[in-house]
Amino acid sequence: MHEPPASTTWNINCGSGEEAQALQRWLSGRIDLDRVFTDTVRVIPDGMEQIRTVQYRLGDYFVEIRVLPLAQANPTSFRLVFNTRADAGRFWKDLMVNILQEIGSTPHKASVSLDANGQVGRP
């Protein structure tokens, strides 16, 4: 029996409806499941530094990442929902945090908070 995907939901709040729409358009390319994050891993076995590059594709960790309206009466906010794959390794959390940090670094001045009804994914 397959375990249903766990999801984590975040509320994204912007200063205006226009900023919220612009951020949602910007996010569409950032949450594409074919997007690849590249990480540089440094290890020092036996005192010799070794550096390697590791790539992480969003689709290997998430079934979907969706933008949903928060409320009809509030065009300045929306939800960002991460549905993890049942076989996702622990690194899904790092990928999610990277996307949330990218939102925080945009000029849209958005705030991010965990949705009170959002279910945090598997440990």
PDB file of N, CA and C in Angstrom:
ATOM      1  N   MET A   1       0.842  -1.176   0.000  1.00  0.00           N
ATOM      2  CA  MET A   1       0.000   0.000   0.000  1.00  0.00           C
ATOM      3  C   MET A   1       0.887   1.239   0.000  1.00  0.00           C
ATOM      4  N   HIS A   2       0.570   2.180  -0.904  1.00  0.00           N
ATOM      5  CA  HIS A   2       1.366   3.402  -0.997  1.00  0.00           C
ATOM      6  C   HIS A   2       0.965   4.405   0.066  1.00  0.00           C
ATOM      7  N   GLU A   3       1.958   5.023   0.661  1.00  0.00           N
ATOM      8  CA  GLU A   3       1.725   6.080   1.631  1.00  0.00           C
ATOM      9  C   GLU A   3       1.354   7.343   0.866  1.00  0.00           C
ATOM     10  N   PRO A   4       0.288   8.055   1.263  1.00  0.00           N
ATOM     11  CA  PRO A   4      -0.077   9.271   0.548  1.00  0.00           C
ATOM     12  C   PRO A   4       1.014  10.329   0.721  1.00  0.00           C
ATOM     13  N   PRO A   5       1.167  11.206  -0.253  1.00  0.00           N
ATOM     14  CA  PRO A   5       2.210  12.215  -0.131  1.00  0.00           C
ATOM     15  C   PRO A   5       1.926  13.141   1.037  1.00  0.00           C
ATOM     16  N   ALA A   6       2.968  13.475   1.764  1.00  0.00           N
ATOM     17  CA  ALA A   6       2.852  14.447   2.842  1.00  0.00           C
ATOM     18  C   ALA A   6       2.933  15.823   2.214  1.00  0.00           C
ATOM     19  N   SER A   7       2.294  16.785   2.835  1.00  0.00           N
ATOM     20  CA  SER A   7       2.359  18.131   2.283  1.00  0.00           C
ATOM     21  C   SER A   7       2.690  19.129   3.368  1.00  0.00           C
ATOM     22  N   THR A   8       3.290  20.207   2.929  1.00  0.00           N
ATOM     23  CA  THR A   8       3.596  21.330   3.801  1.00  0.00           C
ATOM     24  C   THR A   8       3.081  22.571   3.094  1.00  0.00           C
ATOM     25  N   THR A   9       2.288  23.361   3.798  1.00  0.00           N
ATOM     26  CA  THR A   9       1.663  24.532   3.205  1.00  0.00           C
ATOM     27  C   THR A   9       2.176  25.796   3.877  1.00  0.00           C
ATOM     28  N   TRP A  10       2.551  26.761   3.044  1.00  0.00           N
ATOM     29  CA  TRP A  10       3.074  28.038   3.515  1.00  0.00           C
ATOM     30  C   TRP A  10       2.176  29.165   3.027  1.00  0.00           C
ATOM     31  N   ASN A  11       1.967  30.164   3.864  1.00  0.00           N
ATOM     32  CA  ASN A  11       1.253  31.371   3.467  1.00  0.00           C
ATOM     33  C   ASN A  11       2.275  32.406   3.040  1.00  0.00           C
ATOM     34  N   ILE A  12       2.037  33.000   1.889  1.00  0.00           N
ATOM     35  CA  ILE A  12       2.901  34.045   1.362  1.00  0.00           C
ATOM     36  C   ILE A  12       2.082  35.328   1.349  1.00  0.00           C
ATOM     37  N   ASN A  13       2.552  36.341   2.045  1.00  0.00           N
ATOM     38  CA  ASN A  13       1.830  37.617   2.144  1.00  0.00           C
ATOM     39  C   ASN A  13       2.658  38.719   1.517  1.00  0.00           C
ATOM     40  N   CYS A  14       2.031  39.460   0.610  1.00  0.00           N
ATOM     41  CA  CYS A  14       2.691  40.556  -0.100  1.00  0.00           C
ATOM     42  C   CYS A  14       2.041  41.882   0.286  1.00  0.00           C
ATOM     43  N   GLY A  15       2.691  42.971  -0.082  1.00  0.00           N
ATOM     44  CA  GLY A  15       2.181  44.296   0.244  1.00  0.00           C
ATOM     45  C   GLY A  15       0.985  44.725  -0.578  1.00  0.00           C
ATOM     46  N   SER A  16       0.823  44.121  -1.762  1.00  0.00           N
ATOM     47  CA  SER A  16      -0.295  44.503  -2.630  1.00  0.00           C
ATOM     48  C   SER A  16      -0.680  43.307  -3.496  1.00  0.00           C
ATOM     49  N   GLY A  17      -1.833  43.401  -4.101  1.00  0.00           N
ATOM     50  CA  GLY A  17      -2.278  42.366  -5.017  1.00  0.00           C
ATOM     51  C   GLY A  17      -1.373  42.262  -6.231  1.00  0.00           C
ATOM     52  N   GLU A  18      -0.865  43.407  -6.691  1.00  0.00           N
ATOM     53  CA  GLU A  18       0.036  43.409  -7.850  1.00  0.00           C
ATOM     54  C   GLU A  18       1.341  42.687  -7.518  1.00  0.00           C
ATOM     55  N   GLU A  19       1.877  42.932  -6.316  1.00  0.00           N
ATOM     56  CA  GLU A  19       3.098  42.234  -5.910  1.00  0.00           C
ATOM     57  C   GLU A  19       2.852  40.732  -5.786  1.00  0.00           C
ATOM     58  N   ALA A  20       1.698  40.355  -5.259  1.00  0.00           N
ATOM     59  CA  ALA A  20       1.364  38.935  -5.114  1.00  0.00           C
ATOM     60  C   ALA A  20       1.281  38.266  -6.488  1.00  0.00           C
ATOM     61  N   GLN A  21       0.661  38.926  -7.455  1.00  0.00           N
ATOM     62  CA  GLN A  21       0.568  38.361  -8.800  1.00  0.00           C
ATOM     63  C   GLN A  21       1.936  38.257  -9.453  1.00  0.00           C
ATOM     64  N   ALA A  22       2.752  39.304  -9.287  1.00  0.00           N
ATOM     65  CA  ALA A  22       4.102  39.282  -9.860  1.00  0.00           C
ATOM     66  C   ALA A  22       4.934  38.164  -9.241  1.00  0.00           C
ATOM     67  N   LEU A  23       4.821  37.977  -7.936  1.00  0.00           N
ATOM     68  CA  LEU A  23       5.572  36.918  -7.255  1.00  0.00           C
ATOM     69  C   LEU A  23       5.101  35.540  -7.710  1.00  0.00           C
ATOM     70  N   GLN A  24       3.807  35.373  -7.905  1.00  0.00           N
ATOM     71  CA  GLN A  24       3.291  34.088  -8.386  1.00  0.00           C
ATOM     72  C   GLN A  24       3.812  33.783  -9.792  1.00  0.00           C
ATOM     73  N   ARG A  25       3.878  34.789 -10.649  1.00  0.00           N
ATOM     74  CA  ARG A  25       4.438  34.581 -11.989  1.00  0.00           C
ATOM     75  C   ARG A  25       5.917  34.201 -11.890  1.00  0.00           C
ATOM     76  N   TRP A  26       6.652  34.900 -11.025  1.00  0.00           N
ATOM     77  CA  TRP A  26       8.076  34.617 -10.836  1.00  0.00           C
ATOM     78  C   TRP A  26       8.270  33.197 -10.301  1.00  0.00           C
ATOM     79  N   LEU A  27       7.394  32.791  -9.374  1.00  0.00           N
ATOM     80  CA  LEU A  27       7.500  31.463  -8.770  1.00  0.00           C
ATOM     81  C   LEU A  27       7.259  30.330  -9.766  1.00  0.00           C
ATOM     82  N   SER A  28       6.475  30.577 -10.787  1.00  0.00           N
ATOM     83  CA  SER A  28       6.115  29.495 -11.710  1.00  0.00           C
ATOM     84  C   SER A  28       7.347  28.791 -12.278  1.00  0.00           C
ATOM     85  N   GLY A  29       8.402  29.524 -12.583  1.00  0.00           N
ATOM     86  CA  GLY A  29       9.628  28.899 -13.068  1.00  0.00           C
ATOM     87  C   GLY A  29      10.470  28.296 -11.961  1.00  0.00           C
ATOM     88  N   ARG A  30      10.322  28.810 -10.763  1.00  0.00           N
ATOM     89  CA  ARG A  30      11.115  28.327  -9.623  1.00  0.00           C
ATOM     90  C   ARG A  30      10.600  27.020  -9.050  1.00  0.00           C
ATOM     91  N   ILE A  31       9.308  26.733  -9.240  1.00  0.00           N
ATOM     92  CA  ILE A  31       8.727  25.524  -8.655  1.00  0.00           C
ATOM     93  C   ILE A  31       8.475  24.450  -9.700  1.00  0.00           C
ATOM     94  N   ASP A  32       9.012  24.636 -10.892  1.00  0.00           N
ATOM     95  CA  ASP A  32       8.902  23.636 -11.956  1.00  0.00           C
ATOM     96  C   ASP A  32       9.625  22.371 -11.490  1.00  0.00           C
ATOM     97  N   LEU A  33       8.957  21.233 -11.601  1.00  0.00           N
ATOM     98  CA  LEU A  33       9.530  19.979 -11.095  1.00  0.00           C
ATOM     99  C   LEU A  33      10.786  19.547 -11.843  1.00  0.00           C
ATOM    100  N   ASP A  34      11.039  20.110 -13.009  1.00  0.00           N
ATOM    101  CA  ASP A  34      12.267  19.796 -13.736  1.00  0.00           C
ATOM    102  C   ASP A  34      13.430  20.701 -13.338  1.00  0.00           C
ATOM    103  N   ARG A  35      13.177  21.641 -12.471  1.00  0.00           N
ATOM    104  CA  ARG A  35      14.251  22.532 -12.013  1.00  0.00           C
ATOM    105  C   ARG A  35      15.277  21.723 -11.218  1.00  0.00           C
ATOM    106  N   VAL A  36      16.545  22.076 -11.413  1.00  0.00           N
ATOM    107  CA  VAL A  36      17.639  21.373 -10.742  1.00  0.00           C
ATOM    108  C   VAL A  36      18.412  22.361  -9.873  1.00  0.00           C
ATOM    109  N   PHE A  37      18.617  21.990  -8.627  1.00  0.00           N
ATOM    110  CA  PHE A  37      19.481  22.738  -7.712  1.00  0.00           C
ATOM    111  C   PHE A  37      20.841  22.061  -7.723  1.00  0.00           C
ATOM    112  N   THR A  38      21.886  22.854  -7.710  1.00  0.00           N
ATOM    113  CA  THR A  38      23.238  22.319  -7.666  1.00  0.00           C
ATOM    114  C   THR A  38      23.858  22.682  -6.330  1.00  0.00           C
ATOM    115  N   ASP A  39      24.437  21.689  -5.687  1.00  0.00           N
ATOM    116  CA  ASP A  39      25.048  21.873  -4.374  1.00  0.00           C
ATOM    117  C   ASP A  39      26.507  21.429  -4.460  1.00  0.00           C
ATOM    118  N   THR A  40      27.376  22.199  -3.833  1.00  0.00           N
ATOM    119  CA  THR A  40      28.791  21.829  -3.767  1.00  0.00           C
ATOM    120  C   THR A  40      29.044  21.163  -2.426  1.00  0.00           C
ATOM    121  N   VAL A  41      29.540  19.937  -2.479  1.00  0.00           N
ATOM    122  CA  VAL A  41      29.792  19.159  -1.271  1.00  0.00           C
ATOM    123  C   VAL A  41      31.301  19.080  -1.063  1.00  0.00           C
ATOM    124  N   ARG A  42      31.741  19.464   0.135  1.00  0.00           N
ATOM    125  CA  ARG A  42      33.172  19.399   0.483  1.00  0.00           C
ATOM    126  C   ARG A  42      33.339  18.392   1.613  1.00  0.00           C
ATOM    127  N   VAL A  43      34.240  17.475   1.401  1.00  0.00           N
ATOM    128  CA  VAL A  43      34.579  16.498   2.444  1.00  0.00           C
ATOM    129  C   VAL A  43      36.098  16.451   2.574  1.00  0.00           C
ATOM    130  N   ILE A  44      36.557  16.077   3.756  1.00  0.00           N
ATOM    131  CA  ILE A  44      38.001  16.031   3.988  1.00  0.00           C
ATOM    132  C   ILE A  44      38.370  14.675   4.582  1.00  0.00           C
ATOM    133  N   PRO A  45      38.317  13.620   3.765  1.00  0.00           N
ATOM    134  CA  PRO A  45      38.760  12.325   4.285  1.00  0.00           C
ATOM    135  C   PRO A  45      40.294  12.279   4.310  1.00  0.00           C
ATOM    136  N   ASP A  46      40.829  11.798   5.376  1.00  0.00           N
ATOM    137  CA  ASP A  46      42.286  11.660   5.520  1.00  0.00           C
ATOM    138  C   ASP A  46      43.021  12.978   5.287  1.00  0.00           C
ATOM    139  N   GLY A  47      42.401  14.092   5.643  1.00  0.00           N
ATOM    140  CA  GLY A  47      43.050  15.397   5.521  1.00  0.00           C
ATOM    141  C   GLY A  47      43.118  15.966   4.117  1.00  0.00           C
ATOM    142  N   MET A  48      42.565  15.284   3.141  1.00  0.00           N
ATOM    143  CA  MET A  48      42.594  15.751   1.752  1.00  0.00           C
ATOM    144  C   MET A  48      41.189  16.240   1.373  1.00  0.00           C
ATOM    145  N   GLU A  49      41.083  17.525   1.070  1.00  0.00           N
ATOM    146  CA  GLU A  49      39.778  18.066   0.690  1.00  0.00           C
ATOM    147  C   GLU A  49      39.352  17.547  -0.679  1.00  0.00           C
ATOM    148  N   GLN A  50      38.109  17.101  -0.723  1.00  0.00           N
ATOM    149  CA  GLN A  50      37.512  16.665  -1.973  1.00  0.00           C
ATOM    150  C   GLN A  50      36.240  17.469  -2.178  1.00  0.00           C
ATOM    151  N   ILE A  51      36.090  17.987  -3.387  1.00  0.00           N
ATOM    152  CA  ILE A  51      34.919  18.793  -3.714  1.00  0.00           C
ATOM    153  C   ILE A  51      34.177  18.114  -4.850  1.00  0.00           C
ATOM    154  N   ARG A  52      32.865  17.979  -4.677  1.00  0.00           N
ATOM    155  CA  ARG A  52      32.064  17.423  -5.760  1.00  0.00           C
ATOM    156  C   ARG A  52      30.748  18.197  -5.854  1.00  0.00           C
ATOM    157  N   THR A  53      30.182  18.161  -7.023  1.00  0.00           N
ATOM    158  CA  THR A  53      28.917  18.838  -7.273  1.00  0.00           C
ATOM    159  C   THR A  53      27.811  17.802  -7.336  1.00  0.00           C
ATOM    160  N   VAL A  54      26.720  18.082  -6.629  1.00  0.00           N
ATOM    161  CA  VAL A  54      25.574  17.179  -6.604  1.00  0.00           C
ATOM    162  C   VAL A  54      24.362  17.960  -7.107  1.00  0.00           C
ATOM    163  N   GLN A  55      23.578  17.328  -7.978  1.00  0.00           N
ATOM    164  CA  GLN A  55      22.390  17.982  -8.501  1.00  0.00           C
ATOM    165  C   GLN A  55      21.139  17.322  -7.929  1.00  0.00           C
ATOM    166  N   TYR A  56      20.154  18.165  -7.593  1.00  0.00           N
ATOM    167  CA  TYR A  56      18.901  17.713  -7.024  1.00  0.00           C
ATOM    168  C   TYR A  56      17.753  18.257  -7.868  1.00  0.00           C
ATOM    169  N   ARG A  57      17.000  17.371  -8.492  1.00  0.00           N
ATOM    170  CA  ARG A  57      15.852  17.755  -9.313  1.00  0.00           C
ATOM    171  C   ARG A  57      14.612  17.779  -8.430  1.00  0.00           C
ATOM    172  N   LEU A  58      13.833  18.862  -8.496  1.00  0.00           N
ATOM    173  CA  LEU A  58      12.649  18.987  -7.644  1.00  0.00           C
ATOM    174  C   LEU A  58      11.695  17.807  -7.810  1.00  0.00           C
ATOM    175  N   GLY A  59      11.519  17.339  -9.041  1.00  0.00           N
ATOM    176  CA  GLY A  59      10.605  16.232  -9.299  1.00  0.00           C
ATOM    177  C   GLY A  59      11.014  14.915  -8.667  1.00  0.00           C
ATOM    178  N   ASP A  60      12.270  14.804  -8.231  1.00  0.00           N
ATOM    179  CA  ASP A  60      12.710  13.595  -7.535  1.00  0.00           C
ATOM    180  C   ASP A  60      12.302  13.609  -6.065  1.00  0.00           C
ATOM    181  N   TYR A  61      11.819  14.756  -5.589  1.00  0.00           N
ATOM    182  CA  TYR A  61      11.468  14.910  -4.177  1.00  0.00           C
ATOM    183  C   TYR A  61      10.009  15.314  -3.959  1.00  0.00           C
ATOM    184  N   PHE A  62       9.399  15.914  -4.987  1.00  0.00           N
ATOM    185  CA  PHE A  62       8.030  16.409  -4.847  1.00  0.00           C
ATOM    186  C   PHE A  62       7.134  15.857  -5.948  1.00  0.00           C
ATOM    187  N   VAL A  63       5.906  15.496  -5.565  1.00  0.00           N
ATOM    188  CA  VAL A  63       4.889  15.110  -6.531  1.00  0.00           C
ATOM    189  C   VAL A  63       4.421  16.364  -7.252  1.00  0.00           C
ATOM    190  N   GLU A  64       4.256  17.429  -6.485  1.00  0.00           N
ATOM    191  CA  GLU A  64       3.869  18.721  -7.037  1.00  0.00           C
ATOM    192  C   GLU A  64       4.182  19.826  -6.038  1.00  0.00           C
ATOM    193  N   ILE A  65       4.343  21.009  -6.595  1.00  0.00           N
ATOM    194  CA  ILE A  65       4.464  22.228  -5.796  1.00  0.00           C
ATOM    195  C   ILE A  65       3.467  23.182  -6.432  1.00  0.00           C
ATOM    196  N   ARG A  66       2.485  23.617  -5.665  1.00  0.00           N
ATOM    197  CA  ARG A  66       1.401  24.417  -6.237  1.00  0.00           C
ATOM    198  C   ARG A  66       1.234  25.752  -5.523  1.00  0.00           C
ATOM    199  N   VAL A  67       0.800  26.708  -6.307  1.00  0.00           N
ATOM    200  CA  VAL A  67       0.397  28.006  -5.787  1.00  0.00           C
ATOM    201  C   VAL A  67      -1.123  28.003  -5.760  1.00  0.00           C
ATOM    202  N   LEU A  68      -1.707  28.296  -4.599  1.00  0.00           N
ATOM    203  CA  LEU A  68      -3.160  28.322  -4.439  1.00  0.00           C
ATOM    204  C   LEU A  68      -3.582  29.639  -3.799  1.00  0.00           C
ATOM    205  N   PRO A  69      -4.789  30.095  -4.106  1.00  0.00           N
ATOM    206  CA  PRO A  69      -5.268  31.319  -3.452  1.00  0.00           C
ATOM    207  C   PRO A  69      -5.454  31.078  -1.957  1.00  0.00           C
ATOM    208  N   LEU A  70      -5.192  32.106  -1.172  1.00  0.00           N
ATOM    209  CA  LEU A  70      -5.390  32.008   0.277  1.00  0.00           C
ATOM    210  C   LEU A  70      -6.853  32.260   0.618  1.00  0.00           C
ATOM    211  N   ALA A  71      -7.406  33.303   0.045  1.00  0.00           N
ATOM    212  CA  ALA A  71      -8.819  33.632   0.249  1.00  0.00           C
ATOM    213  C   ALA A  71      -9.247  34.573  -0.870  1.00  0.00           C
ATOM    214  N   GLN A  72     -10.468  34.430  -1.306  1.00  0.00           N
ATOM    215  CA  GLN A  72     -10.974  35.288  -2.379  1.00  0.00           C
ATOM    216  C   GLN A  72     -10.911  36.757  -1.996  1.00  0.00           C
ATOM    217  N   ALA A  73     -11.147  37.045  -0.733  1.00  0.00           N
ATOM    218  CA  ALA A  73     -11.190  38.434  -0.287  1.00  0.00           C
ATOM    219  C   ALA A  73      -9.806  39.016  -0.019  1.00  0.00           C
ATOM    220  N   ASN A  74      -8.738  38.221  -0.182  1.00  0.00           N
ATOM    221  CA  ASN A  74      -7.403  38.692   0.135  1.00  0.00           C
ATOM    222  C   ASN A  74      -6.455  38.453  -1.046  1.00  0.00           C
ATOM    223  N   PRO A  75      -6.427  39.371  -2.015  1.00  0.00           N
ATOM    224  CA  PRO A  75      -5.570  39.175  -3.184  1.00  0.00           C
ATOM    225  C   PRO A  75      -4.093  39.413  -2.916  1.00  0.00           C
ATOM    226  N   THR A  76      -3.736  39.843  -1.702  1.00  0.00           N
ATOM    227  CA  THR A  76      -2.334  40.111  -1.393  1.00  0.00           C
ATOM    228  C   THR A  76      -1.603  38.875  -0.873  1.00  0.00           C
ATOM    229  N   SER A  77      -2.337  37.773  -0.703  1.00  0.00           N
ATOM    230  CA  SER A  77      -1.747  36.565  -0.128  1.00  0.00           C
ATOM    231  C   SER A  77      -2.094  35.340  -0.959  1.00  0.00           C
ATOM    232  N   PHE A  78      -1.252  34.320  -0.844  1.00  0.00           N
ATOM    233  CA  PHE A  78      -1.523  33.046  -1.482  1.00  0.00           C
ATOM    234  C   PHE A  78      -0.810  31.950  -0.710  1.00  0.00           C
ATOM    235  N   ARG A  79      -1.129  30.707  -1.048  1.00  0.00           N
ATOM    236  CA  ARG A  79      -0.494  29.552  -0.413  1.00  0.00           C
ATOM    237  C   ARG A  79       0.491  28.912  -1.381  1.00  0.00           C
ATOM    238  N   LEU A  80       1.547  28.370  -0.815  1.00  0.00           N
ATOM    239  CA  LEU A  80       2.506  27.588  -1.570  1.00  0.00           C
ATOM    240  C   LEU A  80       2.520  26.205  -0.925  1.00  0.00           C
ATOM    241  N   VAL A  81       2.102  25.192  -1.688  1.00  0.00           N
ATOM    242  CA  VAL A  81       1.940  23.843  -1.152  1.00  0.00           C
ATOM    243  C   VAL A  81       2.981  22.916  -1.765  1.00  0.00           C
ATOM    244  N   PHE A  82       3.751  22.267  -0.908  1.00  0.00           N
ATOM    245  CA  PHE A  82       4.762  21.287  -1.314  1.00  0.00           C
ATOM    246  C   PHE A  82       4.226  19.899  -0.983  1.00  0.00           C
ATOM    247  N   ASN A  83       3.972  19.075  -2.001  1.00  0.00           N
ATOM    248  CA  ASN A  83       3.545  17.685  -1.798  1.00  0.00           C
ATOM    249  C   ASN A  83       4.729  16.785  -2.087  1.00  0.00           C
ATOM    250  N   THR A  84       5.245  16.157  -1.032  1.00  0.00           N
ATOM    251  CA  THR A  84       6.447  15.340  -1.188  1.00  0.00           C
ATOM    252  C   THR A  84       6.122  13.951  -1.706  1.00  0.00           C
ATOM    253  N   ARG A  85       7.089  13.384  -2.392  1.00  0.00           N
ATOM    254  CA  ARG A  85       6.972  12.007  -2.865  1.00  0.00           C
ATOM    255  C   ARG A  85       7.115  11.069  -1.670  1.00  0.00           C
ATOM    256  N   ALA A  86       6.449   9.946  -1.726  1.00  0.00           N
ATOM    257  CA  ALA A  86       6.545   8.962  -0.643  1.00  0.00           C
ATOM    258  C   ALA A  86       7.973   8.450  -0.485  1.00  0.00           C
ATOM    259  N   ASP A  87       8.734   8.432  -1.588  1.00  0.00           N
ATOM    260  CA  ASP A  87      10.099   7.918  -1.536  1.00  0.00           C
ATOM    261  C   ASP A  87      11.148   9.033  -1.467  1.00  0.00           C
ATOM    262  N   ALA A  88      10.701  10.256  -1.174  1.00  0.00           N
ATOM    263  CA  ALA A  88      11.636  11.386  -1.116  1.00  0.00           C
ATOM    264  C   ALA A  88      12.615  11.196   0.037  1.00  0.00           C
ATOM    265  N   GLY A  89      13.847  11.457  -0.251  1.00  0.00           N
ATOM    266  CA  GLY A  89      14.852  11.429   0.805  1.00  0.00           C
ATOM    267  C   GLY A  89      14.734  12.672   1.674  1.00  0.00           C
ATOM    268  N   ARG A  90      15.527  12.757   2.675  1.00  0.00           N
ATOM    269  CA  ARG A  90      15.496  13.838   3.630  1.00  0.00           C
ATOM    270  C   ARG A  90      15.781  15.198   3.005  1.00  0.00           C
ATOM    271  N   PHE A  91      16.410  15.234   1.855  1.00  0.00           N
ATOM    272  CA  PHE A  91      16.842  16.497   1.265  1.00  0.00           C
ATOM    273  C   PHE A  91      15.682  17.361   0.768  1.00  0.00           C
ATOM    274  N   TRP A  92      14.448  16.820   0.736  1.00  0.00           N
ATOM    275  CA  TRP A  92      13.305  17.617   0.292  1.00  0.00           C
ATOM    276  C   TRP A  92      13.141  18.870   1.145  1.00  0.00           C
ATOM    277  N   LYS A  93      13.467  18.766   2.415  1.00  0.00           N
ATOM    278  CA  LYS A  93      13.323  19.919   3.310  1.00  0.00           C
ATOM    279  C   LYS A  93      14.281  21.035   2.913  1.00  0.00           C
ATOM    280  N   ASP A  94      15.499  20.672   2.560  1.00  0.00           N
ATOM    281  CA  ASP A  94      16.478  21.666   2.130  1.00  0.00           C
ATOM    282  C   ASP A  94      16.024  22.360   0.856  1.00  0.00           C
ATOM    283  N   LEU A  95      15.474  21.594  -0.081  1.00  0.00           N
ATOM    284  CA  LEU A  95      14.994  22.184  -1.325  1.00  0.00           C
ATOM    285  C   LEU A  95      13.839  23.142  -1.068  1.00  0.00           C
ATOM    286  N   MET A  96      12.923  22.750  -0.193  1.00  0.00           N
ATOM    287  CA  MET A  96      11.799  23.613   0.156  1.00  0.00           C
ATOM    288  C   MET A  96      12.303  24.912   0.785  1.00  0.00           C
ATOM    289  N   VAL A  97      13.236  24.808   1.710  1.00  0.00           N
ATOM    290  CA  VAL A  97      13.786  25.996   2.368  1.00  0.00           C
ATOM    291  C   VAL A  97      14.502  26.890   1.361  1.00  0.00           C
ATOM    292  N   ASN A  98      15.213  26.298   0.405  1.00  0.00           N
ATOM    293  CA  ASN A  98      15.873  27.102  -0.624  1.00  0.00           C
ATOM    294  C   ASN A  98      14.861  27.942  -1.395  1.00  0.00           C
ATOM    295  N   ILE A  99      13.738  27.349  -1.761  1.00  0.00           N
ATOM    296  CA  ILE A  99      12.703  28.089  -2.492  1.00  0.00           C
ATOM    297  C   ILE A  99      12.120  29.190  -1.611  1.00  0.00           C
ATOM    298  N   LEU A 100      11.860  28.892  -0.358  1.00  0.00           N
ATOM    299  CA  LEU A 100      11.318  29.900   0.552  1.00  0.00           C
ATOM    300  C   LEU A 100      12.309  31.044   0.759  1.00  0.00           C
ATOM    301  N   GLN A 101      13.594  30.731   0.832  1.00  0.00           N
ATOM    302  CA  GLN A 101      14.610  31.781   0.960  1.00  0.00           C
ATOM    303  C   GLN A 101      14.679  32.630  -0.295  1.00  0.00           C
ATOM    304  N   GLU A 102      14.505  32.024  -1.446  1.00  0.00           N
ATOM    305  CA  GLU A 102      14.477  32.796  -2.693  1.00  0.00           C
ATOM    306  C   GLU A 102      13.322  33.793  -2.683  1.00  0.00           C
ATOM    307  N   ILE A 103      12.167  33.364  -2.160  1.00  0.00           N
ATOM    308  CA  ILE A 103      11.017  34.272  -2.059  1.00  0.00           C
ATOM    309  C   ILE A 103      11.380  35.462  -1.185  1.00  0.00           C
ATOM    310  N   GLY A 104      12.052  35.204  -0.081  1.00  0.00           N
ATOM    311  CA  GLY A 104      12.443  36.271   0.836  1.00  0.00           C
ATOM    312  C   GLY A 104      13.452  37.237   0.258  1.00  0.00           C
ATOM    313  N   SER A 105      14.172  36.808  -0.775  1.00  0.00           N
ATOM    314  CA  SER A 105      15.196  37.678  -1.350  1.00  0.00           C
ATOM    315  C   SER A 105      14.708  38.441  -2.581  1.00  0.00           C
ATOM    316  N   THR A 106      13.443  38.278  -2.932  1.00  0.00           N
ATOM    317  CA  THR A 106      12.906  39.002  -4.090  1.00  0.00           C
ATOM    318  C   THR A 106      12.562  40.436  -3.684  1.00  0.00           C
ATOM    319  N   PRO A 107      12.434  41.330  -4.649  1.00  0.00           N
ATOM    320  CA  PRO A 107      12.046  42.710  -4.332  1.00  0.00           C
ATOM    321  C   PRO A 107      10.561  42.852  -3.994  1.00  0.00           C
ATOM    322  N   HIS A 108       9.815  41.746  -3.971  1.00  0.00           N
ATOM    323  CA  HIS A 108       8.373  41.811  -3.718  1.00  0.00           C
ATOM    324  C   HIS A 108       8.033  41.980  -2.239  1.00  0.00           C
ATOM    325  N   LYS A 109       9.025  41.957  -1.378  1.00  0.00           N
ATOM    326  CA  LYS A 109       8.834  42.154   0.066  1.00  0.00           C
ATOM    327  C   LYS A 109       7.734  41.255   0.643  1.00  0.00           C
ATOM    328  N   ALA A 110       7.855  40.001   0.359  1.00  0.00           N
ATOM    329  CA  ALA A 110       6.868  39.033   0.833  1.00  0.00           C
ATOM    330  C   ALA A 110       7.292  38.445   2.165  1.00  0.00           C
ATOM    331  N   SER A 111       6.310  38.133   2.987  1.00  0.00           N
ATOM    332  CA  SER A 111       6.590  37.412   4.225  1.00  0.00           C
ATOM    333  C   SER A 111       6.061  35.989   4.057  1.00  0.00           C
ATOM    334  N   VAL A 112       6.740  35.053   4.698  1.00  0.00           N
ATOM    335  CA  VAL A 112       6.417  33.636   4.571  1.00  0.00           C
ATOM    336  C   VAL A 112       6.150  33.091   5.962  1.00  0.00           C
ATOM    337  N   SER A 113       5.034  32.358   6.105  1.00  0.00           N
ATOM    338  CA  SER A 113       4.733  31.726   7.388  1.00  0.00           C
ATOM    339  C   SER A 113       4.090  30.371   7.146  1.00  0.00           C
ATOM    340  N   LEU A 114       4.358  29.445   8.045  1.00  0.00           N
ATOM    341  CA  LEU A 114       3.772  28.115   7.949  1.00  0.00           C
ATOM    342  C   LEU A 114       2.269  28.245   8.149  1.00  0.00           C
ATOM    343  N   ASP A 115       1.501  27.634   7.275  1.00  0.00           N
ATOM    344  CA  ASP A 115       0.042  27.673   7.382  1.00  0.00           C
ATOM    345  C   ASP A 115      -0.393  26.916   8.631  1.00  0.00           C
ATOM    346  N   ALA A 116      -1.287  27.510   9.400  1.00  0.00           N
ATOM    347  CA  ALA A 116      -1.732  26.897  10.644  1.00  0.00           C
ATOM    348  C   ALA A 116      -2.393  25.550  10.378  1.00  0.00           C
ATOM    349  N   ASN A 117      -3.021  25.396   9.217  1.00  0.00           N
ATOM    350  CA  ASN A 117      -3.661  24.137   8.875  1.00  0.00           C
ATOM    351  C   ASN A 117      -2.766  23.256   8.016  1.00  0.00           C
ATOM    352  N   GLY A 118      -1.609  23.775   7.665  1.00  0.00           N
ATOM    353  CA  GLY A 118      -0.686  23.014   6.818  1.00  0.00           C
ATOM    354  C   GLY A 118      -0.094  21.867   7.607  1.00  0.00           C
ATOM    355  N   GLN A 119       0.030  20.754   6.957  1.00  0.00           N
ATOM    356  CA  GLN A 119       0.583  19.571   7.599  1.00  0.00           C
ATOM    357  C   GLN A 119       2.054  19.497   7.229  1.00  0.00           C
ATOM    358  N   VAL A 120       2.897  19.450   8.207  1.00  0.00           N
ATOM    359  CA  VAL A 120       4.318  19.329   7.920  1.00  0.00           C
ATOM    360  C   VAL A 120       4.596  17.900   7.493  1.00  0.00           C
ATOM    361  N   GLY A 121       5.409  17.772   6.438  1.00  0.00           N
ATOM    362  CA  GLY A 121       5.695  16.468   5.845  1.00  0.00           C
ATOM    363  C   GLY A 121       6.406  15.511   6.789  1.00  0.00           C
ATOM    364  N   ARG A 122       6.725  14.361   6.246  1.00  0.00           N
ATOM    365  CA  ARG A 122       7.363  13.323   7.076  1.00  0.00           C
ATOM    366  C   ARG A 122       8.666  13.814   7.692  1.00  0.00           C
ATOM    367  N   PRO A 123       8.993  13.292   8.837  1.00  0.00           N
ATOM    368  CA  PRO A 123      10.231  13.691   9.503  1.00  0.00           C
ATOM    369  C   PRO A 123      11.453  13.238   8.753  1.00  0.00           C
TER     370      PRO A 123
END
